[in-house]
Amino acid sequence: MSLGPYAFFIVASYLVVALVVLLLIGWIVLDYRRQRARLRDLEARGVTRRSGRGAADLP
């Protein structure tokens, strides 16, 4: 497979995109963990989610 005179640019572009995608995945994983910890903290303090109520609890 010959990429011609632009081979360096093409390979570098793919590497940059792969790096950005990996960084975004890492950011999402870290944010998910932070949000879960925050929810656990709120629930431990007695704050509940309205979406957690069943249909019988509605007025």
PDB file of N, CA and C in Angstrom:
ATOM      1  N   MET A   1       0.849  -1.165   0.000  1.00  0.00           N
ATOM      2  CA  MET A   1       0.000   0.000   0.000  1.00  0.00           C
ATOM      3  C   MET A   1       0.898   1.233   0.000  1.00  0.00           C
ATOM      4  N   SER A   2       0.757   2.034  -0.993  1.00  0.00           N
ATOM      5  CA  SER A   2       1.571   3.235  -1.121  1.00  0.00           C
ATOM      6  C   SER A   2       0.690   4.456  -0.887  1.00  0.00           C
ATOM      7  N   LEU A   3       1.107   5.283   0.048  1.00  0.00           N
ATOM      8  CA  LEU A   3       0.333   6.487   0.357  1.00  0.00           C
ATOM      9  C   LEU A   3       0.878   7.723  -0.340  1.00  0.00           C
ATOM     10  N   GLY A   4       1.935   7.547  -1.069  1.00  0.00           N
ATOM     11  CA  GLY A   4       2.498   8.643  -1.843  1.00  0.00           C
ATOM     12  C   GLY A   4       3.264   9.634  -0.983  1.00  0.00           C
ATOM     13  N   PRO A   5       3.434  10.836  -1.506  1.00  0.00           N
ATOM     14  CA  PRO A   5       4.246  11.827  -0.795  1.00  0.00           C
ATOM     15  C   PRO A   5       3.573  12.364   0.471  1.00  0.00           C
ATOM     16  N   TYR A   6       2.317  12.067   0.657  1.00  0.00           N
ATOM     17  CA  TYR A   6       1.588  12.575   1.826  1.00  0.00           C
ATOM     18  C   TYR A   6       1.461  11.528   2.933  1.00  0.00           C
ATOM     19  N   ALA A   7       2.255  10.494   2.866  1.00  0.00           N
ATOM     20  CA  ALA A   7       2.162   9.396   3.826  1.00  0.00           C
ATOM     21  C   ALA A   7       2.332   9.879   5.261  1.00  0.00           C
ATOM     22  N   PHE A   8       3.311  10.739   5.505  1.00  0.00           N
ATOM     23  CA  PHE A   8       3.532  11.230   6.866  1.00  0.00           C
ATOM     24  C   PHE A   8       2.296  11.962   7.382  1.00  0.00           C
ATOM     25  N   PHE A   9       1.707  12.828   6.573  1.00  0.00           N
ATOM     26  CA  PHE A   9       0.525  13.582   6.978  1.00  0.00           C
ATOM     27  C   PHE A   9      -0.649  12.649   7.266  1.00  0.00           C
ATOM     28  N   ILE A  10      -0.839  11.657   6.421  1.00  0.00           N
ATOM     29  CA  ILE A  10      -1.963  10.729   6.595  1.00  0.00           C
ATOM     30  C   ILE A  10      -1.794   9.924   7.878  1.00  0.00           C
ATOM     31  N   VAL A  11      -0.612   9.369   8.096  1.00  0.00           N
ATOM     32  CA  VAL A  11      -0.360   8.563   9.294  1.00  0.00           C
ATOM     33  C   VAL A  11      -0.457   9.433  10.545  1.00  0.00           C
ATOM     34  N   ALA A  12       0.113  10.629  10.494  1.00  0.00           N
ATOM     35  CA  ALA A  12       0.050  11.535  11.645  1.00  0.00           C
ATOM     36  C   ALA A  12      -1.396  11.917  11.957  1.00  0.00           C
ATOM     37  N   SER A  13      -2.198  12.139  10.939  1.00  0.00           N
ATOM     38  CA  SER A  13      -3.609  12.492  11.146  1.00  0.00           C
ATOM     39  C   SER A  13      -4.352  11.363  11.854  1.00  0.00           C
ATOM     40  N   TYR A  14      -4.126  10.136  11.401  1.00  0.00           N
ATOM     41  CA  TYR A  14      -4.774   8.994  12.040  1.00  0.00           C
ATOM     42  C   TYR A  14      -4.322   8.836  13.494  1.00  0.00           C
ATOM     43  N   LEU A  15      -3.047   9.059  13.758  1.00  0.00           N
ATOM     44  CA  LEU A  15      -2.545   8.959  15.129  1.00  0.00           C
ATOM     45  C   LEU A  15      -3.151  10.037  16.025  1.00  0.00           C
ATOM     46  N   VAL A  16      -3.275  11.245  15.508  1.00  0.00           N
ATOM     47  CA  VAL A  16      -3.880  12.324  16.293  1.00  0.00           C
ATOM     48  C   VAL A  16      -5.343  12.015  16.589  1.00  0.00           C
ATOM     49  N   VAL A  17      -6.059  11.531  15.594  1.00  0.00           N
ATOM     50  CA  VAL A  17      -7.474  11.189  15.806  1.00  0.00           C
ATOM     51  C   VAL A  17      -7.606  10.061  16.820  1.00  0.00           C
ATOM     52  N   ALA A  18      -6.753   9.056  16.726  1.00  0.00           N
ATOM     53  CA  ALA A  18      -6.795   7.949  17.683  1.00  0.00           C
ATOM     54  C   ALA A  18      -6.508   8.450  19.094  1.00  0.00           C
ATOM     55  N   LEU A  19      -5.544   9.348  19.231  1.00  0.00           N
ATOM     56  CA  LEU A  19      -5.220   9.911  20.543  1.00  0.00           C
ATOM     57  C   LEU A  19      -6.401  10.701  21.105  1.00  0.00           C
ATOM     58  N   VAL A  20      -7.038  11.514  20.270  1.00  0.00           N
ATOM     59  CA  VAL A  20      -8.179  12.304  20.723  1.00  0.00           C
ATOM     60  C   VAL A  20      -9.325  11.392  21.156  1.00  0.00           C
ATOM     61  N   VAL A  21      -9.596  10.350  20.397  1.00  0.00           N
ATOM     62  CA  VAL A  21     -10.669   9.413  20.753  1.00  0.00           C
ATOM     63  C   VAL A  21     -10.353   8.724  22.080  1.00  0.00           C
ATOM     64  N   LEU A  22      -9.109   8.299  22.268  1.00  0.00           N
ATOM     65  CA  LEU A  22      -8.727   7.657  23.529  1.00  0.00           C
ATOM     66  C   LEU A  22      -8.843   8.623  24.704  1.00  0.00           C
ATOM     67  N   LEU A  23      -8.456   9.878  24.498  1.00  0.00           N
ATOM     68  CA  LEU A  23      -8.601  10.879  25.558  1.00  0.00           C
ATOM     69  C   LEU A  23     -10.069  11.115  25.900  1.00  0.00           C
ATOM     70  N   LEU A  24     -10.922  11.174  24.893  1.00  0.00           N
ATOM     71  CA  LEU A  24     -12.356  11.358  25.151  1.00  0.00           C
ATOM     72  C   LEU A  24     -12.942  10.169  25.909  1.00  0.00           C
ATOM     73  N   ILE A  25     -12.543   8.965  25.542  1.00  0.00           N
ATOM     74  CA  ILE A  25     -13.016   7.776  26.257  1.00  0.00           C
ATOM     75  C   ILE A  25     -12.567   7.830  27.712  1.00  0.00           C
ATOM     76  N   GLY A  26     -11.308   8.178  27.944  1.00  0.00           N
ATOM     77  CA  GLY A  26     -10.805   8.295  29.316  1.00  0.00           C
ATOM     78  C   GLY A  26     -11.552   9.358  30.105  1.00  0.00           C
ATOM     79  N   TRP A  27     -11.814  10.493  29.476  1.00  0.00           N
ATOM     80  CA  TRP A  27     -12.546  11.573  30.132  1.00  0.00           C
ATOM     81  C   TRP A  27     -13.954  11.116  30.516  1.00  0.00           C
ATOM     82  N   ILE A  28     -14.610  10.401  29.621  1.00  0.00           N
ATOM     83  CA  ILE A  28     -15.964   9.912  29.893  1.00  0.00           C
ATOM     84  C   ILE A  28     -15.953   8.918  31.045  1.00  0.00           C
ATOM     85  N   VAL A  29     -14.972   8.015  31.071  1.00  0.00           N
ATOM     86  CA  VAL A  29     -14.879   7.024  32.148  1.00  0.00           C
ATOM     87  C   VAL A  29     -14.658   7.727  33.487  1.00  0.00           C
ATOM     88  N   LEU A  30     -13.744   8.696  33.526  1.00  0.00           N
ATOM     89  CA  LEU A  30     -13.483   9.429  34.774  1.00  0.00           C
ATOM     90  C   LEU A  30     -14.710  10.223  35.223  1.00  0.00           C
ATOM     91  N   ASP A  31     -15.392  10.856  34.283  1.00  0.00           N
ATOM     92  CA  ASP A  31     -16.584  11.628  34.632  1.00  0.00           C
ATOM     93  C   ASP A  31     -17.687  10.713  35.157  1.00  0.00           C
ATOM     94  N   TYR A  32     -17.832   9.535  34.554  1.00  0.00           N
ATOM     95  CA  TYR A  32     -18.825   8.573  35.010  1.00  0.00           C
ATOM     96  C   TYR A  32     -18.553   8.168  36.453  1.00  0.00           C
ATOM     97  N   ARG A  33     -17.282   7.896  36.753  1.00  0.00           N
ATOM     98  CA  ARG A  33     -16.921   7.513  38.121  1.00  0.00           C
ATOM     99  C   ARG A  33     -17.183   8.648  39.098  1.00  0.00           C
ATOM    100  N   ARG A  34     -16.862   9.884  38.702  1.00  0.00           N
ATOM    101  CA  ARG A  34     -17.121  11.036  39.581  1.00  0.00           C
ATOM    102  C   ARG A  34     -18.617  11.223  39.828  1.00  0.00           C
ATOM    103  N   GLN A  35     -19.411  11.071  38.785  1.00  0.00           N
ATOM    104  CA  GLN A  35     -20.855  11.236  38.934  1.00  0.00           C
ATOM    105  C   GLN A  35     -21.446  10.146  39.829  1.00  0.00           C
ATOM    106  N   ARG A  36     -20.977   8.905  39.658  1.00  0.00           N
ATOM    107  CA  ARG A  36     -21.460   7.816  40.510  1.00  0.00           C
ATOM    108  C   ARG A  36     -21.085   8.063  41.971  1.00  0.00           C
ATOM    109  N   ALA A  37     -19.862   8.541  42.218  1.00  0.00           N
ATOM    110  CA  ALA A  37     -19.431   8.841  43.584  1.00  0.00           C
ATOM    111  C   ALA A  37     -20.261   9.979  44.160  1.00  0.00           C
ATOM    112  N   ARG A  38     -20.549  10.964  43.357  1.00  0.00           N
ATOM    113  CA  ARG A  38     -21.370  12.090  43.824  1.00  0.00           C
ATOM    114  C   ARG A  38     -22.788  11.633  44.171  1.00  0.00           C
ATOM    115  N   LEU A  39     -23.357  10.764  43.343  1.00  0.00           N
ATOM    116  CA  LEU A  39     -24.685  10.227  43.635  1.00  0.00           C
ATOM    117  C   LEU A  39     -24.676   9.402  44.925  1.00  0.00           C
ATOM    118  N   ARG A  40     -23.639   8.570  45.106  1.00  0.00           N
ATOM    119  CA  ARG A  40     -23.545   7.790  46.347  1.00  0.00           C
ATOM    120  C   ARG A  40     -23.457   8.711  47.555  1.00  0.00           C
ATOM    121  N   ASP A  41     -22.683   9.779  47.433  1.00  0.00           N
ATOM    122  CA  ASP A  41     -22.543  10.738  48.530  1.00  0.00           C
ATOM    123  C   ASP A  41     -23.883  11.400  48.847  1.00  0.00           C
ATOM    124  N   LEU A  42     -24.585  11.826  47.822  1.00  0.00           N
ATOM    125  CA  LEU A  42     -25.890  12.457  48.042  1.00  0.00           C
ATOM    126  C   LEU A  42     -26.881  11.481  48.669  1.00  0.00           C
ATOM    127  N   GLU A  43     -26.907  10.252  48.179  1.00  0.00           N
ATOM    128  CA  GLU A  43     -27.824   9.256  48.729  1.00  0.00           C
ATOM    129  C   GLU A  43     -27.455   8.911  50.169  1.00  0.00           C
ATOM    130  N   ALA A  44     -26.170   8.916  50.505  1.00  0.00           N
ATOM    131  CA  ALA A  44     -25.739   8.645  51.884  1.00  0.00           C
ATOM    132  C   ALA A  44     -26.191   9.761  52.820  1.00  0.00           C
ATOM    133  N   ARG A  45     -26.324  10.988  52.294  1.00  0.00           N
ATOM    134  CA  ARG A  45     -26.788  12.114  53.109  1.00  0.00           C
ATOM    135  C   ARG A  45     -28.311  12.211  53.151  1.00  0.00           C
ATOM    136  N   GLY A  46     -28.997  11.293  52.461  1.00  0.00           N
ATOM    137  CA  GLY A  46     -30.452  11.260  52.531  1.00  0.00           C
ATOM    138  C   GLY A  46     -31.154  11.925  51.365  1.00  0.00           C
ATOM    139  N   VAL A  47     -30.412  12.449  50.430  1.00  0.00           N
ATOM    140  CA  VAL A  47     -31.027  13.063  49.257  1.00  0.00           C
ATOM    141  C   VAL A  47     -31.404  11.946  48.302  1.00  0.00           C
ATOM    142  N   THR A  48     -32.657  11.919  47.859  1.00  0.00           N
ATOM    143  CA  THR A  48     -33.108  10.870  46.957  1.00  0.00           C
ATOM    144  C   THR A  48     -33.448  11.472  45.603  1.00  0.00           C
ATOM    145  N   ARG A  49     -33.476  10.601  44.619  1.00  0.00           N
ATOM    146  CA  ARG A  49     -33.825  11.022  43.259  1.00  0.00           C
ATOM    147  C   ARG A  49     -35.319  10.857  43.055  1.00  0.00           C
ATOM    148  N   ARG A  50     -35.929  11.862  42.457  1.00  0.00           N
ATOM    149  CA  ARG A  50     -37.356  11.761  42.180  1.00  0.00           C
ATOM    150  C   ARG A  50     -37.641  10.655  41.180  1.00  0.00           C
ATOM    151  N   SER A  51     -36.696  10.402  40.277  1.00  0.00           N
ATOM    152  CA  SER A  51     -36.910   9.359  39.285  1.00  0.00           C
ATOM    153  C   SER A  51     -36.879   7.971  39.918  1.00  0.00           C
ATOM    154  N   GLY A  52     -36.415   7.870  41.164  1.00  0.00           N
ATOM    155  CA  GLY A  52     -36.349   6.591  41.844  1.00  0.00           C
ATOM    156  C   GLY A  52     -37.667   6.172  42.478  1.00  0.00           C
ATOM    157  N   ARG A  53     -38.651   7.078  42.471  1.00  0.00           N
ATOM    158  CA  ARG A  53     -39.951   6.747  43.066  1.00  0.00           C
ATOM    159  C   ARG A  53     -40.735   5.827  42.152  1.00  0.00           C
ATOM    160  N   GLY A  54     -41.530   4.983  42.776  1.00  0.00           N
ATOM    161  CA  GLY A  54     -42.417   4.117  42.018  1.00  0.00           C
ATOM    162  C   GLY A  54     -43.714   4.826  41.682  1.00  0.00           C
ATOM    163  N   ALA A  55     -44.547   4.201  40.882  1.00  0.00           N
ATOM    164  CA  ALA A  55     -45.817   4.806  40.478  1.00  0.00           C
ATOM    165  C   ALA A  55     -46.742   5.000  41.667  1.00  0.00           C
ATOM    166  N   ALA A  56     -46.631   4.142  42.707  1.00  0.00           N
ATOM    167  CA  ALA A  56     -47.501   4.250  43.880  1.00  0.00           C
ATOM    168  C   ALA A  56     -47.167   5.481  44.722  1.00  0.00           C
ATOM    169  N   ASP A  57     -45.959   6.025  44.577  1.00  0.00           N
ATOM    170  CA  ASP A  57     -45.559   7.177  45.365  1.00  0.00           C
ATOM    171  C   ASP A  57     -46.024   8.497  44.779  1.00  0.00           C
ATOM    172  N   LEU A  58     -46.553   8.471  43.572  1.00  0.00           N
ATOM    173  CA  LEU A  58     -46.963   9.705  42.923  1.00  0.00           C
ATOM    174  C   LEU A  58     -48.249  10.220  43.539  1.00  0.00           C
ATOM    175  N   PRO A  59     -48.430  11.542  43.588  1.00  0.00           N
ATOM    176  CA  PRO A  59     -49.655  12.110  44.190  1.00  0.00           C
ATOM    177  C   PRO A  59     -50.889  11.840  43.384  1.00  0.00           C
TER     178      PRO A  59
END
